[in-house]
Amino acid sequence: MNVIHNVLNTSTKVAIKVNISMSFLLDKIEDELEMTTVCYRPEGLEQLEAQTNFTKRELQVLYRGFKNCIFYYHPSAVQYPNYSPVMYAHYLFNAFDTAQTGSVKFEGFVMALSTLLRGTVHEKLRWTFNLYDINKDGYINKEEMMDIVKAIYDMMGKYTYPVLKQDAPRLHVEVFFQKMDKNKDGVVTLDEFIESCQEVRTFLLLP
């Protein structure tokens, strides 16, 4: 039950981190907009407004920030050498890159943000499934799950408390499949994933 609960919380944790980053971005850019006019305007702004849960103003602000996006080496990599978020960031990027082009366009960026921050539970679960489905074939297999779990454990670091055993990722994956692979065919489908997560939500009386 705890394993599925952790899976259920994946999209929530990602949403919180994204929400903090976006809030900082919005505040920073809003300050700048007090002194200037928004000159950035993505194509199909009205269409994006209809397709997402963002207002026109929010989309304009996000677009400006997106166009001025600066990639940097996070200081935590230096301050905390036992933590390695690189692989998880790689998988997270792939989840945003829905067209599998090797790049993230503004449209895909805000669609993902809209889902993570303001989407329904069902939409968030679909997004989370897509994160675990690395090869995008519509199924989660044990190899994919192991890759994601290892990336999460690497991001957590070596000095967690209580100390994690070396085989913790493998055990996590085994329990995951015991709970979610309903027909025992070795893969987890979207329907199985959502059904299992909804069962846990009901059991825990989550909103």
C-alpha atoms as a PDB file:
ATOM      1  CA  MET A   1       0.000   0.000   0.000  1.00  0.00           C
ATOM      2  CA  ASN A   2       2.869   2.364   0.866  1.00  0.00           C
ATOM      3  CA  VAL A   3       4.471   1.799  -2.546  1.00  0.00           C
ATOM      4  CA  ILE A   4       1.341   2.833  -4.434  1.00  0.00           C
ATOM      5  CA  HIS A   5       0.907   5.750  -2.059  1.00  0.00           C
ATOM      6  CA  ASN A   6       4.444   6.859  -2.965  1.00  0.00           C
ATOM      7  CA  VAL A   7       3.642   6.532  -6.661  1.00  0.00           C
ATOM      8  CA  LEU A   8       0.454   8.527  -6.130  1.00  0.00           C
ATOM      9  CA  ASN A   9       2.502  11.266  -4.495  1.00  0.00           C
ATOM     10  CA  THR A  10       4.997  11.474  -7.372  1.00  0.00           C
ATOM     11  CA  SER A  11       2.937  13.907  -9.441  1.00  0.00           C
ATOM     12  CA  THR A  12       2.084  15.883  -6.299  1.00  0.00           C
ATOM     13  CA  LYS A  13       5.752  16.278  -5.343  1.00  0.00           C
ATOM     14  CA  VAL A  14       6.679  17.258  -8.886  1.00  0.00           C
ATOM     15  CA  ALA A  15       3.784  19.726  -8.897  1.00  0.00           C
ATOM     16  CA  ILE A  16       4.957  21.299  -5.628  1.00  0.00           C
ATOM     17  CA  LYS A  17       8.502  21.760  -6.945  1.00  0.00           C
ATOM     18  CA  VAL A  18       7.213  23.139 -10.234  1.00  0.00           C
ATOM     19  CA  ASN A  19       4.748  25.357  -8.381  1.00  0.00           C
ATOM     20  CA  ILE A  20       7.516  26.850  -6.225  1.00  0.00           C
ATOM     21  CA  SER A  21       9.690  27.468  -9.281  1.00  0.00           C
ATOM     22  CA  MET A  22       6.798  28.934 -11.237  1.00  0.00           C
ATOM     23  CA  SER A  23       5.733  31.151  -8.340  1.00  0.00           C
ATOM     24  CA  PHE A  24       9.269  32.534  -8.128  1.00  0.00           C
ATOM     25  CA  LEU A  25       9.321  33.026 -11.893  1.00  0.00           C
ATOM     26  CA  LEU A  26       5.930  34.734 -11.948  1.00  0.00           C
ATOM     27  CA  ASP A  27       6.838  37.050  -9.079  1.00  0.00           C
ATOM     28  CA  LYS A  28      10.142  38.000 -10.685  1.00  0.00           C
ATOM     29  CA  ILE A  29       8.648  38.645 -14.102  1.00  0.00           C
ATOM     30  CA  GLU A  30       5.606  40.446 -12.691  1.00  0.00           C
ATOM     31  CA  ASP A  31       8.025  42.882 -11.020  1.00  0.00           C
ATOM     32  CA  GLU A  32       9.645  43.525 -14.387  1.00  0.00           C
ATOM     33  CA  LEU A  33       6.276  43.971 -16.041  1.00  0.00           C
ATOM     34  CA  GLU A  34       5.509  46.815 -13.686  1.00  0.00           C
ATOM     35  CA  MET A  35       8.097  48.791 -15.648  1.00  0.00           C
ATOM     36  CA  THR A  36       7.577  47.507 -19.177  1.00  0.00           C
ATOM     37  CA  THR A  37       5.033  46.110 -21.595  1.00  0.00           C
ATOM     38  CA  VAL A  38       4.793  42.419 -22.377  1.00  0.00           C
ATOM     39  CA  CYS A  39       6.341  42.127 -25.809  1.00  0.00           C
ATOM     40  CA  TYR A  40       6.349  38.357 -26.019  1.00  0.00           C
ATOM     41  CA  ARG A  41       3.296  36.760 -27.499  1.00  0.00           C
ATOM     42  CA  PRO A  42       3.197  33.089 -28.485  1.00  0.00           C
ATOM     43  CA  GLU A  43       1.187  32.073 -31.493  1.00  0.00           C
ATOM     44  CA  GLY A  44      -2.278  30.800 -30.679  1.00  0.00           C
ATOM     45  CA  LEU A  45      -2.427  32.435 -27.261  1.00  0.00           C
ATOM     46  CA  GLU A  46      -6.213  32.280 -27.185  1.00  0.00           C
ATOM     47  CA  GLN A  47      -6.121  28.596 -28.104  1.00  0.00           C
ATOM     48  CA  LEU A  48      -3.662  27.862 -25.291  1.00  0.00           C
ATOM     49  CA  GLU A  49      -5.864  29.756 -22.873  1.00  0.00           C
ATOM     50  CA  ALA A  50      -8.756  27.499 -23.877  1.00  0.00           C
ATOM     51  CA  GLN A  51      -6.649  24.325 -23.630  1.00  0.00           C
ATOM     52  CA  THR A  52      -5.034  25.061 -20.259  1.00  0.00           C
ATOM     53  CA  ASN A  53      -6.053  26.328 -16.848  1.00  0.00           C
ATOM     54  CA  PHE A  54      -3.991  29.503 -17.203  1.00  0.00           C
ATOM     55  CA  THR A  55      -5.244  32.995 -17.900  1.00  0.00           C
ATOM     56  CA  LYS A  56      -4.020  35.038 -20.851  1.00  0.00           C
ATOM     57  CA  ARG A  57      -1.945  37.180 -18.512  1.00  0.00           C
ATOM     58  CA  GLU A  58      -0.326  34.137 -16.910  1.00  0.00           C
ATOM     59  CA  LEU A  59       0.507  32.689 -20.319  1.00  0.00           C
ATOM     60  CA  GLN A  60       2.159  35.934 -21.387  1.00  0.00           C
ATOM     61  CA  VAL A  61       4.258  35.992 -18.224  1.00  0.00           C
ATOM     62  CA  LEU A  62       5.188  32.326 -18.590  1.00  0.00           C
ATOM     63  CA  TYR A  63       6.123  32.842 -22.229  1.00  0.00           C
ATOM     64  CA  ARG A  64       8.487  35.669 -21.393  1.00  0.00           C
ATOM     65  CA  GLY A  65      10.131  33.548 -18.726  1.00  0.00           C
ATOM     66  CA  PHE A  66      10.309  30.585 -21.101  1.00  0.00           C
ATOM     67  CA  LYS A  67      12.019  32.635 -23.803  1.00  0.00           C
ATOM     68  CA  ASN A  68      14.537  33.942 -21.280  1.00  0.00           C
ATOM     69  CA  CYS A  69      15.089  30.550 -19.671  1.00  0.00           C
ATOM     70  CA  ILE A  70      18.639  30.091 -18.383  1.00  0.00           C
ATOM     71  CA  PHE A  71      20.010  26.612 -17.747  1.00  0.00           C
ATOM     72  CA  TYR A  72      22.456  26.501 -14.871  1.00  0.00           C
ATOM     73  CA  TYR A  73      24.368  24.054 -12.731  1.00  0.00           C
ATOM     74  CA  HIS A  74      22.416  23.820  -9.507  1.00  0.00           C
ATOM     75  CA  PRO A  75      24.574  24.588  -6.421  1.00  0.00           C
ATOM     76  CA  SER A  76      23.114  21.568  -4.594  1.00  0.00           C
ATOM     77  CA  ALA A  77      25.252  19.386  -6.869  1.00  0.00           C
ATOM     78  CA  VAL A  78      28.303  20.994  -5.242  1.00  0.00           C
ATOM     79  CA  GLN A  79      26.979  21.418  -1.706  1.00  0.00           C
ATOM     80  CA  TYR A  80      25.529  17.918  -1.543  1.00  0.00           C
ATOM     81  CA  PRO A  81      27.727  15.619  -3.676  1.00  0.00           C
ATOM     82  CA  ASN A  82      25.904  12.514  -2.439  1.00  0.00           C
ATOM     83  CA  TYR A  83      22.708  13.641  -4.179  1.00  0.00           C
ATOM     84  CA  SER A  84      22.357  13.133  -7.929  1.00  0.00           C
ATOM     85  CA  PRO A  85      19.216  14.608  -9.562  1.00  0.00           C
ATOM     86  CA  VAL A  86      20.625  14.285 -13.093  1.00  0.00           C
ATOM     87  CA  MET A  87      18.855  11.109 -14.206  1.00  0.00           C
ATOM     88  CA  TYR A  88      15.518  12.068 -12.666  1.00  0.00           C
ATOM     89  CA  ALA A  89      15.755  15.447 -14.401  1.00  0.00           C
ATOM     90  CA  HIS A  90      16.380  13.553 -17.646  1.00  0.00           C
ATOM     91  CA  TYR A  91      13.196  11.496 -17.236  1.00  0.00           C
ATOM     92  CA  LEU A  92      11.254  14.571 -16.177  1.00  0.00           C
ATOM     93  CA  PHE A  93      12.392  16.378 -19.327  1.00  0.00           C
ATOM     94  CA  ASN A  94      11.227  13.425 -21.445  1.00  0.00           C
ATOM     95  CA  ALA A  95       7.808  13.625 -19.790  1.00  0.00           C
ATOM     96  CA  PHE A  96       7.562  17.285 -20.825  1.00  0.00           C
ATOM     97  CA  ASP A  97       8.824  16.449 -24.325  1.00  0.00           C
ATOM     98  CA  THR A  98       5.576  14.787 -25.388  1.00  0.00           C
ATOM     99  CA  ALA A  99       6.438  14.980 -29.099  1.00  0.00           C
ATOM    100  CA  GLN A 100       9.751  13.194 -28.454  1.00  0.00           C
ATOM    101  CA  THR A 101      11.714  15.757 -30.471  1.00  0.00           C
ATOM    102  CA  GLY A 102      14.514  16.257 -27.961  1.00  0.00           C
ATOM    103  CA  SER A 103      13.271  19.732 -27.108  1.00  0.00           C
ATOM    104  CA  VAL A 104      10.391  21.255 -25.168  1.00  0.00           C
ATOM    105  CA  LYS A 105       8.228  23.818 -26.941  1.00  0.00           C
ATOM    106  CA  PHE A 106       6.300  26.444 -25.033  1.00  0.00           C
ATOM    107  CA  GLU A 107       2.969  24.796 -25.842  1.00  0.00           C
ATOM    108  CA  GLY A 108       4.070  21.481 -24.359  1.00  0.00           C
ATOM    109  CA  PHE A 109       5.623  23.234 -21.388  1.00  0.00           C
ATOM    110  CA  VAL A 110       2.455  25.060 -20.337  1.00  0.00           C
ATOM    111  CA  MET A 111       0.224  22.059 -21.070  1.00  0.00           C
ATOM    112  CA  ALA A 112       2.307  19.999 -18.632  1.00  0.00           C
ATOM    113  CA  LEU A 113       2.338  22.793 -16.043  1.00  0.00           C
ATOM    114  CA  SER A 114      -1.409  23.158 -16.354  1.00  0.00           C
ATOM    115  CA  THR A 115      -1.865  19.450 -15.670  1.00  0.00           C
ATOM    116  CA  LEU A 116       0.554  19.321 -12.745  1.00  0.00           C
ATOM    117  CA  LEU A 117      -0.647  22.481 -11.040  1.00  0.00           C
ATOM    118  CA  ARG A 118      -4.333  22.690 -11.869  1.00  0.00           C
ATOM    119  CA  GLY A 119      -5.366  19.436 -13.524  1.00  0.00           C
ATOM    120  CA  THR A 120      -7.803  16.842 -12.218  1.00  0.00           C
ATOM    121  CA  VAL A 121      -6.605  13.802 -10.288  1.00  0.00           C
ATOM    122  CA  HIS A 122      -7.166  11.655 -13.377  1.00  0.00           C
ATOM    123  CA  GLU A 123      -5.096  14.028 -15.530  1.00  0.00           C
ATOM    124  CA  LYS A 124      -2.256  14.034 -12.993  1.00  0.00           C
ATOM    125  CA  LEU A 125      -2.265  10.236 -12.852  1.00  0.00           C
ATOM    126  CA  ARG A 126      -2.079  10.036 -16.654  1.00  0.00           C
ATOM    127  CA  TRP A 127       0.886  12.436 -16.588  1.00  0.00           C
ATOM    128  CA  THR A 128       2.609  10.385 -13.881  1.00  0.00           C
ATOM    129  CA  PHE A 129       2.065   7.194 -15.888  1.00  0.00           C
ATOM    130  CA  ASN A 130       3.696   8.899 -18.861  1.00  0.00           C
ATOM    131  CA  LEU A 131       6.692   9.746 -16.661  1.00  0.00           C
ATOM    132  CA  TYR A 132       7.178   6.061 -15.787  1.00  0.00           C
ATOM    133  CA  ASP A 133       6.489   4.886 -19.358  1.00  0.00           C
ATOM    134  CA  ILE A 134       9.964   5.776 -20.610  1.00  0.00           C
ATOM    135  CA  ASN A 135       9.711   4.268 -24.114  1.00  0.00           C
ATOM    136  CA  LYS A 136       6.154   5.569 -24.585  1.00  0.00           C
ATOM    137  CA  ASP A 137       4.690   2.237 -25.700  1.00  0.00           C
ATOM    138  CA  GLY A 138       1.672   2.536 -23.404  1.00  0.00           C
ATOM    139  CA  TYR A 139       2.978   0.135 -20.764  1.00  0.00           C
ATOM    140  CA  ILE A 140       5.242   0.288 -17.715  1.00  0.00           C
ATOM    141  CA  ASN A 141       7.614  -2.673 -17.553  1.00  0.00           C
ATOM    142  CA  LYS A 142       9.939  -3.623 -14.714  1.00  0.00           C
ATOM    143  CA  GLU A 143      13.026  -2.222 -16.432  1.00  0.00           C
ATOM    144  CA  GLU A 144      11.398   1.194 -16.842  1.00  0.00           C
ATOM    145  CA  MET A 145      10.144   1.191 -13.269  1.00  0.00           C
ATOM    146  CA  MET A 146      13.597   0.199 -12.012  1.00  0.00           C
ATOM    147  CA  ASP A 147      15.233   3.051 -13.947  1.00  0.00           C
ATOM    148  CA  ILE A 148      12.839   5.626 -12.480  1.00  0.00           C
ATOM    149  CA  VAL A 149      13.061   4.250  -8.945  1.00  0.00           C
ATOM    150  CA  LYS A 150      16.872   4.208  -9.076  1.00  0.00           C
ATOM    151  CA  ALA A 151      16.825   7.810 -10.309  1.00  0.00           C
ATOM    152  CA  ILE A 152      14.557   8.791  -7.397  1.00  0.00           C
ATOM    153  CA  TYR A 153      16.791   6.992  -4.880  1.00  0.00           C
ATOM    154  CA  ASP A 154      19.875   8.689  -6.381  1.00  0.00           C
ATOM    155  CA  MET A 155      18.121  12.025  -6.017  1.00  0.00           C
ATOM    156  CA  MET A 156      17.354  11.228  -2.358  1.00  0.00           C
ATOM    157  CA  GLY A 157      21.049  10.637  -1.681  1.00  0.00           C
ATOM    158  CA  LYS A 158      23.112   8.057   0.157  1.00  0.00           C
ATOM    159  CA  TYR A 159      22.565   9.367   3.658  1.00  0.00           C
ATOM    160  CA  THR A 160      18.815   9.046   4.072  1.00  0.00           C
ATOM    161  CA  TYR A 161      17.262   8.095   7.388  1.00  0.00           C
ATOM    162  CA  PRO A 162      16.556   5.332   7.911  1.00  0.00           C
ATOM    163  CA  VAL A 163      19.426   4.110   5.738  1.00  0.00           C
ATOM    164  CA  LEU A 164      18.179   2.479   2.548  1.00  0.00           C
ATOM    165  CA  LYS A 165      19.321  -1.043   1.774  1.00  0.00           C
ATOM    166  CA  GLN A 166      21.147  -1.696  -1.472  1.00  0.00           C
ATOM    167  CA  ASP A 167      18.313  -3.806  -2.849  1.00  0.00           C
ATOM    168  CA  ALA A 168      15.619  -1.241  -1.881  1.00  0.00           C
ATOM    169  CA  PRO A 169      14.914  -0.187  -5.514  1.00  0.00           C
ATOM    170  CA  ARG A 170      14.386  -3.804  -6.605  1.00  0.00           C
ATOM    171  CA  LEU A 171      12.059  -4.520  -3.683  1.00  0.00           C
ATOM    172  CA  HIS A 172      10.149  -1.306  -4.433  1.00  0.00           C
ATOM    173  CA  VAL A 173       9.614  -2.425  -8.021  1.00  0.00           C
ATOM    174  CA  GLU A 174       8.522  -5.918  -6.999  1.00  0.00           C
ATOM    175  CA  VAL A 175       5.886  -4.570  -4.611  1.00  0.00           C
ATOM    176  CA  PHE A 176       4.765  -2.064  -7.219  1.00  0.00           C
ATOM    177  CA  PHE A 177       4.063  -4.836  -9.739  1.00  0.00           C
ATOM    178  CA  GLN A 178       2.428  -7.083  -7.163  1.00  0.00           C
ATOM    179  CA  LYS A 179      -0.070  -4.323  -6.438  1.00  0.00           C
ATOM    180  CA  MET A 180      -0.578  -2.843  -9.912  1.00  0.00           C
ATOM    181  CA  ASP A 181      -0.115  -5.651 -12.427  1.00  0.00           C
ATOM    182  CA  LYS A 182      -3.683  -6.905 -12.085  1.00  0.00           C
ATOM    183  CA  ASN A 183      -3.546  -9.612 -14.771  1.00  0.00           C
ATOM    184  CA  LYS A 184       0.054 -10.621 -14.004  1.00  0.00           C
ATOM    185  CA  ASP A 185       1.293 -10.221 -17.590  1.00  0.00           C
ATOM    186  CA  GLY A 186       4.510  -8.467 -16.572  1.00  0.00           C
ATOM    187  CA  VAL A 187       3.479  -4.931 -17.547  1.00  0.00           C
ATOM    188  CA  VAL A 188       1.236  -2.242 -16.063  1.00  0.00           C
ATOM    189  CA  THR A 189      -1.277  -0.545 -18.339  1.00  0.00           C
ATOM    190  CA  LEU A 190      -2.692   2.935 -17.881  1.00  0.00           C
ATOM    191  CA  ASP A 191      -6.026   1.481 -16.738  1.00  0.00           C
ATOM    192  CA  GLU A 192      -4.315  -0.753 -14.162  1.00  0.00           C
ATOM    193  CA  PHE A 193      -2.217   2.164 -12.940  1.00  0.00           C
ATOM    194  CA  ILE A 194      -5.172   4.513 -12.507  1.00  0.00           C
ATOM    195  CA  GLU A 195      -7.362   1.826 -10.942  1.00  0.00           C
ATOM    196  CA  SER A 196      -4.699   0.940  -8.354  1.00  0.00           C
ATOM    197  CA  CYS A 197      -4.037   4.570  -7.468  1.00  0.00           C
ATOM    198  CA  GLN A 198      -7.745   5.312  -7.170  1.00  0.00           C
ATOM    199  CA  GLU A 199      -8.134   2.344  -4.813  1.00  0.00           C
ATOM    200  CA  VAL A 200      -5.430   3.768  -2.550  1.00  0.00           C
ATOM    201  CA  ARG A 201      -6.985   7.233  -2.708  1.00  0.00           C
ATOM    202  CA  THR A 202     -10.310   5.784  -1.593  1.00  0.00           C
ATOM    203  CA  PHE A 203      -8.662   3.756   1.181  1.00  0.00           C
ATOM    204  CA  LEU A 204      -6.758   6.799   2.466  1.00  0.00           C
ATOM    205  CA  LEU A 205      -9.777   9.077   2.012  1.00  0.00           C
ATOM    206  CA  LEU A 206      -7.724  11.436  -0.143  1.00  0.00           C
ATOM    207  CA  PRO A 207      -9.550  14.255  -2.027  1.00  0.00           C
END
